[in-house]
């Protein structure tokens, strides 16, 4: 249905997490797993600024087997498990050894909705399209994202981000990040970014 050829270049991820979190709004996250494609417009992100950010897994230069992915050059995924049951999908950004990342918090579903519903064990009656991917755990389950997709290049074949030429018309809203009270004053940083996406299919069709 859509032309996904215009994948973001690795060089486009070599910027700080706050700038990247804003720039990723309106881009499209795609997975192609076992011959099945699912995709959605990125409509909510959070920036995690690495060593200087108490909310970051890499605060203070912390390095573990899990966080080592964050120290790679920008343009790969960072996928981890929370609460022992939900995966979160992050985009590693900036240069090598600068462990910054952007959490993808919400998508507007585009392609593969039936597959997303099945993966979430839902139906059209039990979950609306709007709430199918409106959380980091929900969108990972819907798009089939798990630990097997950790540290994969985001210009590859299994999971990638592309520009469909969608023009955002709403105003980007900056607010405090969610569920990071432990981060002290860093919890008050306005590093969560959202934008309303109304009727994305009509807008995308008009843009192409």
C-alpha atoms as a PDB file:
ATOM      1  CA  UNK A   1       0.000   0.000   0.000  1.00  0.00           C
ATOM      2  CA  UNK A   2       2.837   2.404   0.827  1.00  0.00           C
ATOM      3  CA  UNK A   3       6.316   2.894  -0.598  1.00  0.00           C
ATOM      4  CA  UNK A   4       8.746   2.234   2.257  1.00  0.00           C
ATOM      5  CA  UNK A   5      11.895   2.700   0.171  1.00  0.00           C
ATOM      6  CA  UNK A   6      12.929   6.008   1.770  1.00  0.00           C
ATOM      7  CA  UNK A   7      14.563   4.635   4.914  1.00  0.00           C
ATOM      8  CA  UNK A   8      16.268   7.111   7.217  1.00  0.00           C
ATOM      9  CA  UNK A   9      20.036   7.092   6.739  1.00  0.00           C
ATOM     10  CA  UNK A  10      22.345   6.119   9.593  1.00  0.00           C
ATOM     11  CA  UNK A  11      23.775   9.652   9.455  1.00  0.00           C
ATOM     12  CA  UNK A  12      20.345  11.093  10.323  1.00  0.00           C
ATOM     13  CA  UNK A  13      20.523   9.482  13.756  1.00  0.00           C
ATOM     14  CA  UNK A  14      23.811  11.142  14.678  1.00  0.00           C
ATOM     15  CA  UNK A  15      22.238  13.927  16.708  1.00  0.00           C
ATOM     16  CA  UNK A  16      21.324  14.392  20.362  1.00  0.00           C
ATOM     17  CA  UNK A  17      18.337  12.517  21.782  1.00  0.00           C
ATOM     18  CA  UNK A  18      16.139  15.587  22.321  1.00  0.00           C
ATOM     19  CA  UNK A  19      16.533  16.708  18.711  1.00  0.00           C
ATOM     20  CA  UNK A  20      16.015  13.149  17.479  1.00  0.00           C
ATOM     21  CA  UNK A  21      12.890  12.662  19.623  1.00  0.00           C
ATOM     22  CA  UNK A  22      11.273  15.651  17.922  1.00  0.00           C
ATOM     23  CA  UNK A  23      12.485  14.708  14.447  1.00  0.00           C
ATOM     24  CA  UNK A  24      11.151  11.147  14.696  1.00  0.00           C
ATOM     25  CA  UNK A  25       7.569  12.361  15.100  1.00  0.00           C
ATOM     26  CA  UNK A  26       5.744  11.678  11.849  1.00  0.00           C
ATOM     27  CA  UNK A  27       8.235   9.084  10.661  1.00  0.00           C
ATOM     28  CA  UNK A  28       7.065   5.507  10.153  1.00  0.00           C
ATOM     29  CA  UNK A  29       8.304   2.478  12.103  1.00  0.00           C
ATOM     30  CA  UNK A  30       8.090  -0.747  10.077  1.00  0.00           C
ATOM     31  CA  UNK A  31       8.672  -4.416  10.887  1.00  0.00           C
ATOM     32  CA  UNK A  32       8.877  -7.185   8.307  1.00  0.00           C
ATOM     33  CA  UNK A  33       8.849 -10.531  10.113  1.00  0.00           C
ATOM     34  CA  UNK A  34       8.192 -13.936   8.533  1.00  0.00           C
ATOM     35  CA  UNK A  35       6.898 -12.245   5.402  1.00  0.00           C
ATOM     36  CA  UNK A  36       4.415 -10.059   7.302  1.00  0.00           C
ATOM     37  CA  UNK A  37       4.681  -6.262   7.323  1.00  0.00           C
ATOM     38  CA  UNK A  38       3.306  -3.991  10.047  1.00  0.00           C
ATOM     39  CA  UNK A  39       3.820  -0.255  10.359  1.00  0.00           C
ATOM     40  CA  UNK A  40       2.719   2.882  12.176  1.00  0.00           C
ATOM     41  CA  UNK A  41       3.339   6.631  12.335  1.00  0.00           C
ATOM     42  CA  UNK A  42       5.428   7.674  15.338  1.00  0.00           C
ATOM     43  CA  UNK A  43       3.315  10.100  17.363  1.00  0.00           C
ATOM     44  CA  UNK A  44       4.944  10.094  20.821  1.00  0.00           C
ATOM     45  CA  UNK A  45       8.583   9.859  21.890  1.00  0.00           C
ATOM     46  CA  UNK A  46      10.782  10.386  24.942  1.00  0.00           C
ATOM     47  CA  UNK A  47      14.421  11.456  24.912  1.00  0.00           C
ATOM     48  CA  UNK A  48      16.970   9.857  27.257  1.00  0.00           C
ATOM     49  CA  UNK A  49      20.189  11.848  27.412  1.00  0.00           C
ATOM     50  CA  UNK A  50      22.619   9.186  28.566  1.00  0.00           C
ATOM     51  CA  UNK A  51      25.328   9.935  31.099  1.00  0.00           C
ATOM     52  CA  UNK A  52      23.822  13.262  32.249  1.00  0.00           C
ATOM     53  CA  UNK A  53      20.258  11.947  32.631  1.00  0.00           C
ATOM     54  CA  UNK A  54      19.255  10.185  35.871  1.00  0.00           C
ATOM     55  CA  UNK A  55      16.364   8.520  34.036  1.00  0.00           C
ATOM     56  CA  UNK A  56      18.672   6.906  31.495  1.00  0.00           C
ATOM     57  CA  UNK A  57      19.967   3.347  31.757  1.00  0.00           C
ATOM     58  CA  UNK A  58      23.395   4.837  31.019  1.00  0.00           C
ATOM     59  CA  UNK A  59      23.318   7.573  33.676  1.00  0.00           C
ATOM     60  CA  UNK A  60      26.747   8.332  35.029  1.00  0.00           C
ATOM     61  CA  UNK A  61      28.378   6.188  32.340  1.00  0.00           C
ATOM     62  CA  UNK A  62      26.839   2.921  33.576  1.00  0.00           C
ATOM     63  CA  UNK A  63      27.727   0.021  31.276  1.00  0.00           C
ATOM     64  CA  UNK A  64      26.177  -3.427  31.512  1.00  0.00           C
ATOM     65  CA  UNK A  65      25.536  -6.236  29.085  1.00  0.00           C
ATOM     66  CA  UNK A  66      22.105  -4.718  28.468  1.00  0.00           C
ATOM     67  CA  UNK A  67      23.147  -1.095  28.059  1.00  0.00           C
ATOM     68  CA  UNK A  68      26.171  -1.763  25.859  1.00  0.00           C
ATOM     69  CA  UNK A  69      23.878  -1.340  22.856  1.00  0.00           C
ATOM     70  CA  UNK A  70      23.389   2.321  23.795  1.00  0.00           C
ATOM     71  CA  UNK A  71      27.097   3.003  23.338  1.00  0.00           C
ATOM     72  CA  UNK A  72      27.023   2.034  19.665  1.00  0.00           C
ATOM     73  CA  UNK A  73      26.794   4.554  16.844  1.00  0.00           C
ATOM     74  CA  UNK A  74      23.278   5.893  16.333  1.00  0.00           C
ATOM     75  CA  UNK A  75      20.897   4.157  13.974  1.00  0.00           C
ATOM     76  CA  UNK A  76      20.296   0.839  15.727  1.00  0.00           C
ATOM     77  CA  UNK A  77      17.559  -0.417  18.031  1.00  0.00           C
ATOM     78  CA  UNK A  78      17.692  -0.811  21.798  1.00  0.00           C
ATOM     79  CA  UNK A  79      15.002  -3.254  22.933  1.00  0.00           C
ATOM     80  CA  UNK A  80      14.612  -4.314  26.552  1.00  0.00           C
ATOM     81  CA  UNK A  81      12.084  -6.019  28.803  1.00  0.00           C
ATOM     82  CA  UNK A  82      10.234  -4.251  31.637  1.00  0.00           C
ATOM     83  CA  UNK A  83       8.146  -5.772  34.445  1.00  0.00           C
ATOM     84  CA  UNK A  84       9.229  -9.157  33.120  1.00  0.00           C
ATOM     85  CA  UNK A  85       6.591  -9.056  30.368  1.00  0.00           C
ATOM     86  CA  UNK A  86       6.668  -5.937  28.157  1.00  0.00           C
ATOM     87  CA  UNK A  87       9.269  -4.916  25.595  1.00  0.00           C
ATOM     88  CA  UNK A  88      10.234  -1.317  24.892  1.00  0.00           C
ATOM     89  CA  UNK A  89      11.631  -0.139  21.572  1.00  0.00           C
ATOM     90  CA  UNK A  90      14.258   2.621  21.589  1.00  0.00           C
ATOM     91  CA  UNK A  91      16.270   4.265  18.841  1.00  0.00           C
ATOM     92  CA  UNK A  92      19.970   4.663  19.645  1.00  0.00           C
ATOM     93  CA  UNK A  93      21.163   8.101  18.517  1.00  0.00           C
ATOM     94  CA  UNK A  94      24.259  10.304  18.510  1.00  0.00           C
ATOM     95  CA  UNK A  95      27.863   9.193  17.984  1.00  0.00           C
ATOM     96  CA  UNK A  96      29.567   6.061  19.259  1.00  0.00           C
ATOM     97  CA  UNK A  97      30.289   6.121  23.024  1.00  0.00           C
ATOM     98  CA  UNK A  98      27.559   8.739  23.583  1.00  0.00           C
ATOM     99  CA  UNK A  99      24.763   6.543  25.039  1.00  0.00           C
ATOM    100  CA  UNK A 100      21.620   8.453  24.132  1.00  0.00           C
ATOM    101  CA  UNK A 101      18.343   6.933  22.981  1.00  0.00           C
ATOM    102  CA  UNK A 102      14.755   7.784  22.076  1.00  0.00           C
ATOM    103  CA  UNK A 103      11.899   5.674  23.427  1.00  0.00           C
ATOM    104  CA  UNK A 104       9.056   5.157  20.953  1.00  0.00           C
ATOM    105  CA  UNK A 105       5.944   5.524  23.095  1.00  0.00           C
ATOM    106  CA  UNK A 106       3.089   5.580  20.608  1.00  0.00           C
ATOM    107  CA  UNK A 107       2.271   4.774  17.003  1.00  0.00           C
ATOM    108  CA  UNK A 108      -0.734   5.423  14.777  1.00  0.00           C
ATOM    109  CA  UNK A 109      -1.301   2.064  12.992  1.00  0.00           C
ATOM    110  CA  UNK A 110      -0.937   2.087   9.218  1.00  0.00           C
ATOM    111  CA  UNK A 111      -0.431  -1.348   7.684  1.00  0.00           C
ATOM    112  CA  UNK A 112      -1.027  -4.841   9.041  1.00  0.00           C
ATOM    113  CA  UNK A 113      -3.789  -3.970  11.509  1.00  0.00           C
ATOM    114  CA  UNK A 114      -5.240  -7.489  11.425  1.00  0.00           C
ATOM    115  CA  UNK A 115      -1.817  -8.877  12.348  1.00  0.00           C
ATOM    116  CA  UNK A 116      -1.458  -6.318  15.155  1.00  0.00           C
ATOM    117  CA  UNK A 117      -4.836  -7.329  16.575  1.00  0.00           C
ATOM    118  CA  UNK A 118      -3.896 -10.995  16.466  1.00  0.00           C
ATOM    119  CA  UNK A 119      -0.543 -10.406  18.160  1.00  0.00           C
ATOM    120  CA  UNK A 120      -2.261  -8.437  20.880  1.00  0.00           C
ATOM    121  CA  UNK A 121      -4.932 -11.142  21.146  1.00  0.00           C
ATOM    122  CA  UNK A 122      -7.551  -8.485  20.599  1.00  0.00           C
ATOM    123  CA  UNK A 123     -10.444  -7.833  18.274  1.00  0.00           C
ATOM    124  CA  UNK A 124     -11.947  -4.753  16.699  1.00  0.00           C
ATOM    125  CA  UNK A 125     -14.608  -4.853  19.384  1.00  0.00           C
ATOM    126  CA  UNK A 126     -12.240  -5.150  22.345  1.00  0.00           C
ATOM    127  CA  UNK A 127      -9.692  -2.511  21.325  1.00  0.00           C
ATOM    128  CA  UNK A 128     -10.070   0.563  19.131  1.00  0.00           C
ATOM    129  CA  UNK A 129      -7.554   1.353  16.414  1.00  0.00           C
ATOM    130  CA  UNK A 130      -6.472   4.394  18.402  1.00  0.00           C
ATOM    131  CA  UNK A 131      -5.544   2.290  21.442  1.00  0.00           C
ATOM    132  CA  UNK A 132      -3.932  -0.583  19.563  1.00  0.00           C
ATOM    133  CA  UNK A 133      -0.422   0.911  19.760  1.00  0.00           C
ATOM    134  CA  UNK A 134      -0.737   3.770  22.257  1.00  0.00           C
ATOM    135  CA  UNK A 135       1.973   2.592  24.645  1.00  0.00           C
ATOM    136  CA  UNK A 136       5.522   1.239  24.352  1.00  0.00           C
ATOM    137  CA  UNK A 137       4.562  -2.288  25.405  1.00  0.00           C
ATOM    138  CA  UNK A 138       1.454  -2.332  23.215  1.00  0.00           C
ATOM    139  CA  UNK A 139       3.264  -1.205  20.077  1.00  0.00           C
ATOM    140  CA  UNK A 140       6.075  -3.714  20.557  1.00  0.00           C
ATOM    141  CA  UNK A 141       3.631  -6.586  20.880  1.00  0.00           C
ATOM    142  CA  UNK A 142       1.578  -5.359  17.907  1.00  0.00           C
ATOM    143  CA  UNK A 143       4.627  -5.025  15.644  1.00  0.00           C
ATOM    144  CA  UNK A 144       6.252  -8.251  16.861  1.00  0.00           C
ATOM    145  CA  UNK A 145       9.199  -6.465  18.490  1.00  0.00           C
ATOM    146  CA  UNK A 146      11.093  -8.477  21.099  1.00  0.00           C
ATOM    147  CA  UNK A 147      14.667  -9.098  22.264  1.00  0.00           C
ATOM    148  CA  UNK A 148      15.510 -10.731  18.920  1.00  0.00           C
ATOM    149  CA  UNK A 149      15.287  -7.240  17.397  1.00  0.00           C
ATOM    150  CA  UNK A 150      17.711  -5.645  19.855  1.00  0.00           C
ATOM    151  CA  UNK A 151      20.728  -3.931  18.254  1.00  0.00           C
ATOM    152  CA  UNK A 152      19.480  -4.354  14.684  1.00  0.00           C
ATOM    153  CA  UNK A 153      20.271  -1.589  12.154  1.00  0.00           C
ATOM    154  CA  UNK A 154      17.280   0.643  11.493  1.00  0.00           C
ATOM    155  CA  UNK A 155      18.020   0.805   7.796  1.00  0.00           C
ATOM    156  CA  UNK A 156      17.929  -2.985   7.495  1.00  0.00           C
ATOM    157  CA  UNK A 157      15.253  -5.455   6.446  1.00  0.00           C
ATOM    158  CA  UNK A 158      13.570  -6.670   9.645  1.00  0.00           C
ATOM    159  CA  UNK A 159      12.861  -3.342  11.337  1.00  0.00           C
ATOM    160  CA  UNK A 160      13.410   0.137   9.987  1.00  0.00           C
ATOM    161  CA  UNK A 161      12.199   3.726  10.086  1.00  0.00           C
ATOM    162  CA  UNK A 162      11.285   5.572   6.932  1.00  0.00           C
ATOM    163  CA  UNK A 163       9.942   8.886   5.708  1.00  0.00           C
ATOM    164  CA  UNK A 164       6.694   8.655   3.764  1.00  0.00           C
ATOM    165  CA  UNK A 165       6.614  12.393   3.145  1.00  0.00           C
ATOM    166  CA  UNK A 166       3.956  12.910   5.782  1.00  0.00           C
ATOM    167  CA  UNK A 167       3.663  16.581   6.745  1.00  0.00           C
ATOM    168  CA  UNK A 168       2.771  17.165  10.383  1.00  0.00           C
ATOM    169  CA  UNK A 169       0.142  19.844  10.775  1.00  0.00           C
ATOM    170  CA  UNK A 170      -0.283  19.895  14.544  1.00  0.00           C
ATOM    171  CA  UNK A 171       1.923  21.563  17.124  1.00  0.00           C
ATOM    172  CA  UNK A 172       4.494  19.417  18.881  1.00  0.00           C
ATOM    173  CA  UNK A 173       3.781  19.288  22.609  1.00  0.00           C
ATOM    174  CA  UNK A 174       6.690  18.933  25.069  1.00  0.00           C
ATOM    175  CA  UNK A 175       5.993  17.580  28.562  1.00  0.00           C
ATOM    176  CA  UNK A 176       7.533  15.603  31.418  1.00  0.00           C
ATOM    177  CA  UNK A 177       8.413  11.975  30.832  1.00  0.00           C
ATOM    178  CA  UNK A 178       6.299   9.222  32.379  1.00  0.00           C
ATOM    179  CA  UNK A 179       7.022   6.861  35.317  1.00  0.00           C
ATOM    180  CA  UNK A 180      10.498   8.200  36.174  1.00  0.00           C
ATOM    181  CA  UNK A 181       9.922   9.746  39.603  1.00  0.00           C
ATOM    182  CA  UNK A 182      13.198   8.161  40.746  1.00  0.00           C
ATOM    183  CA  UNK A 183      15.100  10.545  38.440  1.00  0.00           C
ATOM    184  CA  UNK A 184      14.820  13.533  40.776  1.00  0.00           C
ATOM    185  CA  UNK A 185      14.940  16.904  39.052  1.00  0.00           C
ATOM    186  CA  UNK A 186      15.606  15.182  35.719  1.00  0.00           C
ATOM    187  CA  UNK A 187      12.051  13.850  35.891  1.00  0.00           C
ATOM    188  CA  UNK A 188      10.858  17.411  35.331  1.00  0.00           C
ATOM    189  CA  UNK A 189      12.736  17.844  32.048  1.00  0.00           C
ATOM    190  CA  UNK A 190      10.338  18.420  29.151  1.00  0.00           C
ATOM    191  CA  UNK A 191      11.730  15.566  27.078  1.00  0.00           C
ATOM    192  CA  UNK A 192       8.499  13.816  26.109  1.00  0.00           C
ATOM    193  CA  UNK A 193       7.140  14.862  22.725  1.00  0.00           C
ATOM    194  CA  UNK A 194       3.701  14.215  21.267  1.00  0.00           C
ATOM    195  CA  UNK A 195       1.715  15.333  18.270  1.00  0.00           C
ATOM    196  CA  UNK A 196      -1.881  14.726  17.287  1.00  0.00           C
ATOM    197  CA  UNK A 197      -2.239  12.811  14.028  1.00  0.00           C
ATOM    198  CA  UNK A 198      -5.746  13.098  12.594  1.00  0.00           C
ATOM    199  CA  UNK A 199      -6.834  10.842   9.735  1.00  0.00           C
ATOM    200  CA  UNK A 200      -3.295   9.746   8.817  1.00  0.00           C
ATOM    201  CA  UNK A 201      -4.337   7.624   5.842  1.00  0.00           C
ATOM    202  CA  UNK A 202      -6.008  10.550   4.081  1.00  0.00           C
ATOM    203  CA  UNK A 203      -3.104  12.873   4.886  1.00  0.00           C
ATOM    204  CA  UNK A 204      -0.511  10.366   3.691  1.00  0.00           C
ATOM    205  CA  UNK A 205      -2.369   9.736   0.463  1.00  0.00           C
ATOM    206  CA  UNK A 206      -2.492  13.466  -0.187  1.00  0.00           C
ATOM    207  CA  UNK A 207       1.228  13.799   0.507  1.00  0.00           C
ATOM    208  CA  UNK A 208       2.270  11.115  -1.981  1.00  0.00           C
END
